[in-house]
């Protein structure tokens, strides 16, 4: 017997619960960790960690401007926001 419920037919979409940033370029011995409500950033040189932090701040400001929570966004939308938020 087939299961015709709408739950069985619905395609599951990925749900983003949080963002993890990892910097690998430090050599000064410092342990850098920055956390936010929906993100954690670990490692990196002072410059890299600063850039990751700035990117996350701008990303969440943009989500607020759009009146959206992280969980409401498609992965591609988050990727686009992060790409536009990161310092050049």
PDB file of N, CA and C in Angstrom:
ATOM      1  N   UNK A   1       0.835  -1.169   0.000  1.00  0.00           N
ATOM      2  CA  UNK A   1       0.000   0.000   0.000  1.00  0.00           C
ATOM      3  C   UNK A   1       0.891   1.247   0.000  1.00  0.00           C
ATOM      4  N   UNK A   2       0.590   2.195  -0.872  1.00  0.00           N
ATOM      5  CA  UNK A   2       1.374   3.427  -0.980  1.00  0.00           C
ATOM      6  C   UNK A   2       1.025   4.406   0.126  1.00  0.00           C
ATOM      7  N   UNK A   3       2.023   5.160   0.536  1.00  0.00           N
ATOM      8  CA  UNK A   3       1.809   6.221   1.498  1.00  0.00           C
ATOM      9  C   UNK A   3       1.644   7.516   0.718  1.00  0.00           C
ATOM     10  N   UNK A   4       0.429   8.047   0.657  1.00  0.00           N
ATOM     11  CA  UNK A   4       0.142   9.241  -0.130  1.00  0.00           C
ATOM     12  C   UNK A   4       0.084  10.504   0.708  1.00  0.00           C
ATOM     13  N   UNK A   5       0.586  10.466   1.919  1.00  0.00           N
ATOM     14  CA  UNK A   5       0.529  11.660   2.757  1.00  0.00           C
ATOM     15  C   UNK A   5       1.416  12.751   2.177  1.00  0.00           C
ATOM     16  N   UNK A   6       1.052  13.979   2.461  1.00  0.00           N
ATOM     17  CA  UNK A   6       1.831  15.107   1.944  1.00  0.00           C
ATOM     18  C   UNK A   6       3.233  15.132   2.529  1.00  0.00           C
ATOM     19  N   UNK A   7       3.409  14.607   3.736  1.00  0.00           N
ATOM     20  CA  UNK A   7       4.743  14.556   4.340  1.00  0.00           C
ATOM     21  C   UNK A   7       5.676  13.672   3.518  1.00  0.00           C
ATOM     22  N   UNK A   8       5.170  12.573   3.037  1.00  0.00           N
ATOM     23  CA  UNK A   8       5.995  11.652   2.267  1.00  0.00           C
ATOM     24  C   UNK A   8       6.387  12.258   0.927  1.00  0.00           C
ATOM     25  N   UNK A   9       5.543  13.112   0.371  1.00  0.00           N
ATOM     26  CA  UNK A   9       5.802  13.704  -0.937  1.00  0.00           C
ATOM     27  C   UNK A   9       6.668  14.955  -0.863  1.00  0.00           C
ATOM     28  N   UNK A  10       6.677  15.611   0.289  1.00  0.00           N
ATOM     29  CA  UNK A  10       7.443  16.853   0.423  1.00  0.00           C
ATOM     30  C   UNK A  10       8.934  16.592   0.358  1.00  0.00           C
ATOM     31  N   UNK A  11       9.603  17.418  -0.400  1.00  0.00           N
ATOM     32  CA  UNK A  11      11.058  17.319  -0.471  1.00  0.00           C
ATOM     33  C   UNK A  11      11.643  18.105   0.706  1.00  0.00           C
ATOM     34  N   UNK A  12      12.529  17.457   1.443  1.00  0.00           N
ATOM     35  CA  UNK A  12      13.158  18.141   2.568  1.00  0.00           C
ATOM     36  C   UNK A  12      14.204  19.105   2.057  1.00  0.00           C
ATOM     37  N   UNK A  13      14.182  20.301   2.593  1.00  0.00           N
ATOM     38  CA  UNK A  13      15.209  21.262   2.233  1.00  0.00           C
ATOM     39  C   UNK A  13      16.181  21.395   3.389  1.00  0.00           C
ATOM     40  N   UNK A  14      17.429  21.659   3.077  1.00  0.00           N
ATOM     41  CA  UNK A  14      18.407  21.820   4.150  1.00  0.00           C
ATOM     42  C   UNK A  14      18.021  22.991   5.049  1.00  0.00           C
ATOM     43  N   UNK A  15      18.244  22.852   6.319  1.00  0.00           N
ATOM     44  CA  UNK A  15      17.943  23.905   7.277  1.00  0.00           C
ATOM     45  C   UNK A  15      19.248  24.320   7.941  1.00  0.00           C
ATOM     46  N   UNK A  16      19.557  25.580   7.847  1.00  0.00           N
ATOM     47  CA  UNK A  16      20.790  26.097   8.435  1.00  0.00           C
ATOM     48  C   UNK A  16      20.505  26.522   9.863  1.00  0.00           C
ATOM     49  N   UNK A  17      21.185  25.895  10.798  1.00  0.00           N
ATOM     50  CA  UNK A  17      21.004  26.197  12.218  1.00  0.00           C
ATOM     51  C   UNK A  17      22.070  27.152  12.731  1.00  0.00           C
ATOM     52  N   UNK A  18      23.223  27.197  12.063  1.00  0.00           N
ATOM     53  CA  UNK A  18      24.309  28.043  12.515  1.00  0.00           C
ATOM     54  C   UNK A  18      25.441  28.036  11.515  1.00  0.00           C
ATOM     55  N   UNK A  19      26.409  28.895  11.747  1.00  0.00           N
ATOM     56  CA  UNK A  19      27.554  29.034  10.845  1.00  0.00           C
ATOM     57  C   UNK A  19      28.833  28.842  11.661  1.00  0.00           C
ATOM     58  N   UNK A  20      29.757  28.085  11.102  1.00  0.00           N
ATOM     59  CA  UNK A  20      31.070  27.884  11.724  1.00  0.00           C
ATOM     60  C   UNK A  20      32.120  28.453  10.778  1.00  0.00           C
ATOM     61  N   UNK A  21      32.991  29.302  11.306  1.00  0.00           N
ATOM     62  CA  UNK A  21      34.106  29.834  10.531  1.00  0.00           C
ATOM     63  C   UNK A  21      35.406  29.321  11.111  1.00  0.00           C
ATOM     64  N   UNK A  22      36.290  28.870  10.253  1.00  0.00           N
ATOM     65  CA  UNK A  22      37.561  28.307  10.707  1.00  0.00           C
ATOM     66  C   UNK A  22      38.708  28.979   9.963  1.00  0.00           C
ATOM     67  N   UNK A  23      39.588  29.620  10.714  1.00  0.00           N
ATOM     68  CA  UNK A  23      40.780  30.241  10.140  1.00  0.00           C
ATOM     69  C   UNK A  23      41.987  29.365  10.398  1.00  0.00           C
ATOM     70  N   UNK A  24      42.775  29.133   9.371  1.00  0.00           N
ATOM     71  CA  UNK A  24      43.902  28.200   9.490  1.00  0.00           C
ATOM     72  C   UNK A  24      45.273  28.861   9.345  1.00  0.00           C
ATOM     73  N   UNK A  25      45.327  30.170   9.273  1.00  0.00           N
ATOM     74  CA  UNK A  25      46.590  30.826   8.925  1.00  0.00           C
ATOM     75  C   UNK A  25      47.322  31.479  10.098  1.00  0.00           C
ATOM     76  N   UNK A  26      47.067  31.092  11.321  1.00  0.00           N
ATOM     77  CA  UNK A  26      47.763  31.750  12.433  1.00  0.00           C
ATOM     78  C   UNK A  26      49.088  31.047  12.731  1.00  0.00           C
ATOM     79  N   UNK A  27      50.047  31.847  13.176  1.00  0.00           N
ATOM     80  CA  UNK A  27      51.317  31.262  13.601  1.00  0.00           C
ATOM     81  C   UNK A  27      51.879  32.009  14.806  1.00  0.00           C
ATOM     82  N   UNK A  28      50.994  32.777  15.471  1.00  0.00           N
ATOM     83  CA  UNK A  28      51.452  33.566  16.606  1.00  0.00           C
ATOM     84  C   UNK A  28      51.111  32.942  17.960  1.00  0.00           C
ATOM     85  N   UNK A  29      50.505  31.760  17.952  1.00  0.00           N
ATOM     86  CA  UNK A  29      50.214  31.067  19.194  1.00  0.00           C
ATOM     87  C   UNK A  29      48.926  31.492  19.888  1.00  0.00           C
ATOM     88  N   UNK A  30      48.248  32.524  19.385  1.00  0.00           N
ATOM     89  CA  UNK A  30      47.001  32.976  20.002  1.00  0.00           C
ATOM     90  C   UNK A  30      45.851  32.036  19.641  1.00  0.00           C
ATOM     91  N   UNK A  31      44.958  31.840  20.585  1.00  0.00           N
ATOM     92  CA  UNK A  31      43.745  31.056  20.360  1.00  0.00           C
ATOM     93  C   UNK A  31      42.592  32.052  20.240  1.00  0.00           C
ATOM     94  N   UNK A  32      42.085  32.214  19.060  1.00  0.00           N
ATOM     95  CA  UNK A  32      41.022  33.188  18.823  1.00  0.00           C
ATOM     96  C   UNK A  32      39.689  32.463  18.657  1.00  0.00           C
ATOM     97  N   UNK A  33      38.697  32.880  19.449  1.00  0.00           N
ATOM     98  CA  UNK A  33      37.358  32.323  19.367  1.00  0.00           C
ATOM     99  C   UNK A  33      36.372  33.476  19.527  1.00  0.00           C
ATOM    100  N   UNK A  34      35.448  33.575  18.602  1.00  0.00           N
ATOM    101  CA  UNK A  34      34.385  34.567  18.680  1.00  0.00           C
ATOM    102  C   UNK A  34      33.071  33.834  18.480  1.00  0.00           C
ATOM    103  N   UNK A  35      32.119  34.092  19.368  1.00  0.00           N
ATOM    104  CA  UNK A  35      30.822  33.436  19.250  1.00  0.00           C
ATOM    105  C   UNK A  35      29.710  34.466  19.171  1.00  0.00           C
ATOM    106  N   UNK A  36      28.673  34.081  18.490  1.00  0.00           N
ATOM    107  CA  UNK A  36      27.448  34.859  18.414  1.00  0.00           C
ATOM    108  C   UNK A  36      26.291  33.916  18.646  1.00  0.00           C
ATOM    109  N   UNK A  37      25.093  34.428  18.561  1.00  0.00           N
ATOM    110  CA  UNK A  37      23.924  33.587  18.814  1.00  0.00           C
ATOM    111  C   UNK A  37      23.842  32.417  17.842  1.00  0.00           C
ATOM    112  N   UNK A  38      24.225  32.644  16.591  1.00  0.00           N
ATOM    113  CA  UNK A  38      24.094  31.600  15.564  1.00  0.00           C
ATOM    114  C   UNK A  38      25.392  31.335  14.822  1.00  0.00           C
ATOM    115  N   UNK A  39      26.523  31.726  15.408  1.00  0.00           N
ATOM    116  CA  UNK A  39      27.802  31.451  14.741  1.00  0.00           C
ATOM    117  C   UNK A  39      28.923  31.285  15.755  1.00  0.00           C
ATOM    118  N   UNK A  40      29.972  30.613  15.302  1.00  0.00           N
ATOM    119  CA  UNK A  40      31.213  30.512  16.065  1.00  0.00           C
ATOM    120  C   UNK A  40      32.370  30.608  15.067  1.00  0.00           C
ATOM    121  N   UNK A  41      33.361  31.410  15.420  1.00  0.00           N
ATOM    122  CA  UNK A  41      34.550  31.598  14.595  1.00  0.00           C
ATOM    123  C   UNK A  41      35.757  31.163  15.417  1.00  0.00           C
ATOM    124  N   UNK A  42      36.611  30.342  14.822  1.00  0.00           N
ATOM    125  CA  UNK A  42      37.749  29.786  15.545  1.00  0.00           C
ATOM    126  C   UNK A  42      39.004  29.936  14.699  1.00  0.00           C
ATOM    127  N   UNK A  43      40.083  30.369  15.354  1.00  0.00           N
ATOM    128  CA  UNK A  43      41.391  30.384  14.721  1.00  0.00           C
ATOM    129  C   UNK A  43      41.616  31.555  13.791  1.00  0.00           C
ATOM    130  N   UNK A  44      42.675  31.411  13.028  1.00  0.00           N
ATOM    131  CA  UNK A  44      43.078  32.434  12.080  1.00  0.00           C
ATOM    132  C   UNK A  44      44.021  33.441  12.689  1.00  0.00           C
ATOM    133  N   UNK A  45      44.735  34.127  11.815  1.00  0.00           N
ATOM    134  CA  UNK A  45      45.585  35.232  12.251  1.00  0.00           C
ATOM    135  C   UNK A  45      44.684  36.348  12.764  1.00  0.00           C
ATOM    136  N   UNK A  46      45.275  37.365  13.362  1.00  0.00           N
ATOM    137  CA  UNK A  46      44.495  38.506  13.840  1.00  0.00           C
ATOM    138  C   UNK A  46      43.699  39.109  12.685  1.00  0.00           C
ATOM    139  N   UNK A  47      44.337  39.268  11.537  1.00  0.00           N
ATOM    140  CA  UNK A  47      43.664  39.852  10.376  1.00  0.00           C
ATOM    141  C   UNK A  47      42.528  38.955   9.866  1.00  0.00           C
ATOM    142  N   UNK A  48      42.802  37.680   9.716  1.00  0.00           N
ATOM    143  CA  UNK A  48      41.787  36.748   9.220  1.00  0.00           C
ATOM    144  C   UNK A  48      40.603  36.664  10.176  1.00  0.00           C
ATOM    145  N   UNK A  49      40.882  36.539  11.453  1.00  0.00           N
ATOM    146  CA  UNK A  49      39.803  36.432  12.433  1.00  0.00           C
ATOM    147  C   UNK A  49      38.957  37.711  12.426  1.00  0.00           C
ATOM    148  N   UNK A  50      39.610  38.836  12.300  1.00  0.00           N
ATOM    149  CA  UNK A  50      38.889  40.110  12.217  1.00  0.00           C
ATOM    150  C   UNK A  50      37.987  40.172  10.992  1.00  0.00           C
ATOM    151  N   UNK A  51      38.493  39.685   9.866  1.00  0.00           N
ATOM    152  CA  UNK A  51      37.685  39.669   8.641  1.00  0.00           C
ATOM    153  C   UNK A  51      36.493  38.723   8.773  1.00  0.00           C
ATOM    154  N   UNK A  52      36.716  37.563   9.404  1.00  0.00           N
ATOM    155  CA  UNK A  52      35.598  36.627   9.608  1.00  0.00           C
ATOM    156  C   UNK A  52      34.538  37.259  10.513  1.00  0.00           C
ATOM    157  N   UNK A  53      34.987  37.926  11.561  1.00  0.00           N
ATOM    158  CA  UNK A  53      34.060  38.568  12.493  1.00  0.00           C
ATOM    159  C   UNK A  53      33.260  39.662  11.794  1.00  0.00           C
ATOM    160  N   UNK A  54      33.939  40.497  11.029  1.00  0.00           N
ATOM    161  CA  UNK A  54      33.254  41.558  10.289  1.00  0.00           C
ATOM    162  C   UNK A  54      32.230  40.974   9.308  1.00  0.00           C
ATOM    163  N   UNK A  55      32.607  39.902   8.649  1.00  0.00           N
ATOM    164  CA  UNK A  55      31.698  39.256   7.700  1.00  0.00           C
ATOM    165  C   UNK A  55      30.442  38.752   8.408  1.00  0.00           C
ATOM    166  N   UNK A  56      30.601  38.126   9.568  1.00  0.00           N
ATOM    167  CA  UNK A  56      29.431  37.615  10.302  1.00  0.00           C
ATOM    168  C   UNK A  56      28.552  38.757  10.785  1.00  0.00           C
ATOM    169  N   UNK A  57      29.164  39.828  11.264  1.00  0.00           N
ATOM    170  CA  UNK A  57      28.372  40.974  11.724  1.00  0.00           C
ATOM    171  C   UNK A  57      27.526  41.533  10.568  1.00  0.00           C
ATOM    172  N   UNK A  58      28.149  41.719   9.422  1.00  0.00           N
ATOM    173  CA  UNK A  58      27.429  42.247   8.255  1.00  0.00           C
ATOM    174  C   UNK A  58      26.370  41.258   7.767  1.00  0.00           C
ATOM    175  N   UNK A  59      26.667  39.969   7.842  1.00  0.00           N
ATOM    176  CA  UNK A  59      25.715  38.948   7.411  1.00  0.00           C
ATOM    177  C   UNK A  59      24.450  39.015   8.263  1.00  0.00           C
ATOM    178  N   UNK A  60      24.607  39.076   9.565  1.00  0.00           N
ATOM    179  CA  UNK A  60      23.442  39.091  10.439  1.00  0.00           C
ATOM    180  C   UNK A  60      22.725  40.438  10.411  1.00  0.00           C
ATOM    181  N   UNK A  61      23.443  41.519  10.127  1.00  0.00           N
ATOM    182  CA  UNK A  61      22.785  42.814   9.914  1.00  0.00           C
ATOM    183  C   UNK A  61      21.890  42.751   8.674  1.00  0.00           C
ATOM    184  N   UNK A  62      22.395  42.100   7.614  1.00  0.00           N
ATOM    185  CA  UNK A  62      21.603  41.976   6.388  1.00  0.00           C
ATOM    186  C   UNK A  62      20.374  41.104   6.620  1.00  0.00           C
ATOM    187  N   UNK A  63      20.518  40.024   7.363  1.00  0.00           N
ATOM    188  CA  UNK A  63      19.352  39.197   7.682  1.00  0.00           C
ATOM    189  C   UNK A  63      18.316  40.003   8.451  1.00  0.00           C
ATOM    190  N   UNK A  64      18.777  40.808   9.401  1.00  0.00           N
ATOM    191  CA  UNK A  64      17.860  41.649  10.176  1.00  0.00           C
ATOM    192  C   UNK A  64      17.159  42.648   9.258  1.00  0.00           C
ATOM    193  N   UNK A  65      17.917  43.231   8.334  1.00  0.00           N
ATOM    194  CA  UNK A  65      17.336  44.185   7.388  1.00  0.00           C
ATOM    195  C   UNK A  65      16.248  43.525   6.538  1.00  0.00           C
ATOM    196  N   UNK A  66      16.458  42.243   6.214  1.00  0.00           N
ATOM    197  CA  UNK A  66      15.485  41.488   5.412  1.00  0.00           C
ATOM    198  C   UNK A  66      14.360  40.892   6.259  1.00  0.00           C
ATOM    199  N   UNK A  67      14.423  41.121   7.574  1.00  0.00           N
ATOM    200  CA  UNK A  67      13.432  40.560   8.509  1.00  0.00           C
ATOM    201  C   UNK A  67      13.374  39.038   8.411  1.00  0.00           C
ATOM    202  N   UNK A  68      14.563  38.419   8.390  1.00  0.00           N
ATOM    203  CA  UNK A  68      14.660  36.965   8.293  1.00  0.00           C
ATOM    204  C   UNK A  68      15.582  36.434   9.374  1.00  0.00           C
ATOM    205  N   UNK A  69      15.307  35.201   9.763  1.00  0.00           N
ATOM    206  CA  UNK A  69      16.212  34.468  10.639  1.00  0.00           C
ATOM    207  C   UNK A  69      17.040  33.523   9.772  1.00  0.00           C
ATOM    208  N   UNK A  70      18.165  33.118  10.287  1.00  0.00           N
ATOM    209  CA  UNK A  70      19.060  32.225   9.560  1.00  0.00           C
ATOM    210  C   UNK A  70      18.318  30.970   9.097  1.00  0.00           C
ATOM    211  N   UNK A  71      17.495  30.411   9.963  1.00  0.00           N
ATOM    212  CA  UNK A  71      16.787  29.157   9.668  1.00  0.00           C
ATOM    213  C   UNK A  71      15.779  29.295   8.532  1.00  0.00           C
ATOM    214  N   UNK A  72      15.382  30.518   8.218  1.00  0.00           N
ATOM    215  CA  UNK A  72      14.384  30.755   7.171  1.00  0.00           C
ATOM    216  C   UNK A  72      14.995  30.855   5.781  1.00  0.00           C
ATOM    217  N   UNK A  73      16.303  30.889   5.707  1.00  0.00           N
ATOM    218  CA  UNK A  73      16.982  31.132   4.438  1.00  0.00           C
ATOM    219  C   UNK A  73      17.443  29.843   3.778  1.00  0.00           C
ATOM    220  N   UNK A  74      17.439  29.861   2.483  1.00  0.00           N
ATOM    221  CA  UNK A  74      18.016  28.767   1.704  1.00  0.00           C
ATOM    222  C   UNK A  74      19.543  28.879   1.783  1.00  0.00           C
ATOM    223  N   UNK A  75      20.242  27.770   1.685  1.00  0.00           N
ATOM    224  CA  UNK A  75      21.707  27.830   1.724  1.00  0.00           C
ATOM    225  C   UNK A  75      22.307  28.793   0.694  1.00  0.00           C
ATOM    226  N   UNK A  76      21.759  28.823  -0.504  1.00  0.00           N
ATOM    227  CA  UNK A  76      22.307  29.722  -1.534  1.00  0.00           C
ATOM    228  C   UNK A  76      22.118  31.186  -1.153  1.00  0.00           C
ATOM    229  N   UNK A  77      21.008  31.510  -0.511  1.00  0.00           N
ATOM    230  CA  UNK A  77      20.774  32.892  -0.079  1.00  0.00           C
ATOM    231  C   UNK A  77      21.811  33.299   0.962  1.00  0.00           C
ATOM    232  N   UNK A  78      22.089  32.414   1.905  1.00  0.00           N
ATOM    233  CA  UNK A  78      23.111  32.699   2.924  1.00  0.00           C
ATOM    234  C   UNK A  78      24.478  32.850   2.272  1.00  0.00           C
ATOM    235  N   UNK A  79      24.794  31.965   1.339  1.00  0.00           N
ATOM    236  CA  UNK A  79      26.088  32.054   0.639  1.00  0.00           C
ATOM    237  C   UNK A  79      26.214  33.390  -0.079  1.00  0.00           C
ATOM    238  N   UNK A  80      25.155  33.846  -0.723  1.00  0.00           N
ATOM    239  CA  UNK A  80      25.181  35.128  -1.431  1.00  0.00           C
ATOM    240  C   UNK A  80      25.363  36.297  -0.462  1.00  0.00           C
ATOM    241  N   UNK A  81      24.655  36.246   0.660  1.00  0.00           N
ATOM    242  CA  UNK A  81      24.785  37.320   1.663  1.00  0.00           C
ATOM    243  C   UNK A  81      26.200  37.369   2.207  1.00  0.00           C
ATOM    244  N   UNK A  82      26.761  36.205   2.539  1.00  0.00           N
ATOM    245  CA  UNK A  82      28.132  36.151   3.063  1.00  0.00           C
ATOM    246  C   UNK A  82      29.121  36.676   2.027  1.00  0.00           C
ATOM    247  N   UNK A  83      28.933  36.276   0.770  1.00  0.00           N
ATOM    248  CA  UNK A  83      29.830  36.723  -0.276  1.00  0.00           C
ATOM    249  C   UNK A  83      29.819  38.250  -0.410  1.00  0.00           C
ATOM    250  N   UNK A  84      28.651  38.847  -0.308  1.00  0.00           N
ATOM    251  CA  UNK A  84      28.563  40.304  -0.412  1.00  0.00           C
ATOM    252  C   UNK A  84      29.028  41.006   0.868  1.00  0.00           C
ATOM    253  N   UNK A  85      28.967  40.308   1.987  1.00  0.00           N
ATOM    254  CA  UNK A  85      29.331  40.914   3.281  1.00  0.00           C
ATOM    255  C   UNK A  85      30.834  40.898   3.551  1.00  0.00           C
ATOM    256  N   UNK A  86      31.539  39.961   2.946  1.00  0.00           N
ATOM    257  CA  UNK A  86      32.956  39.808   3.308  1.00  0.00           C
ATOM    258  C   UNK A  86      33.792  40.976   2.773  1.00  0.00           C
ATOM    259  N   UNK A  87      34.749  41.417   3.584  1.00  0.00           N
ATOM    260  CA  UNK A  87      35.622  42.522   3.169  1.00  0.00           C
ATOM    261  C   UNK A  87      36.469  42.110   1.967  1.00  0.00           C
ATOM    262  N   UNK A  88      36.690  43.018   1.099  1.00  0.00           N
ATOM    263  CA  UNK A  88      37.475  42.754  -0.118  1.00  0.00           C
ATOM    264  C   UNK A  88      38.870  43.314   0.036  1.00  0.00           C
TER     265      UNK A  88
END
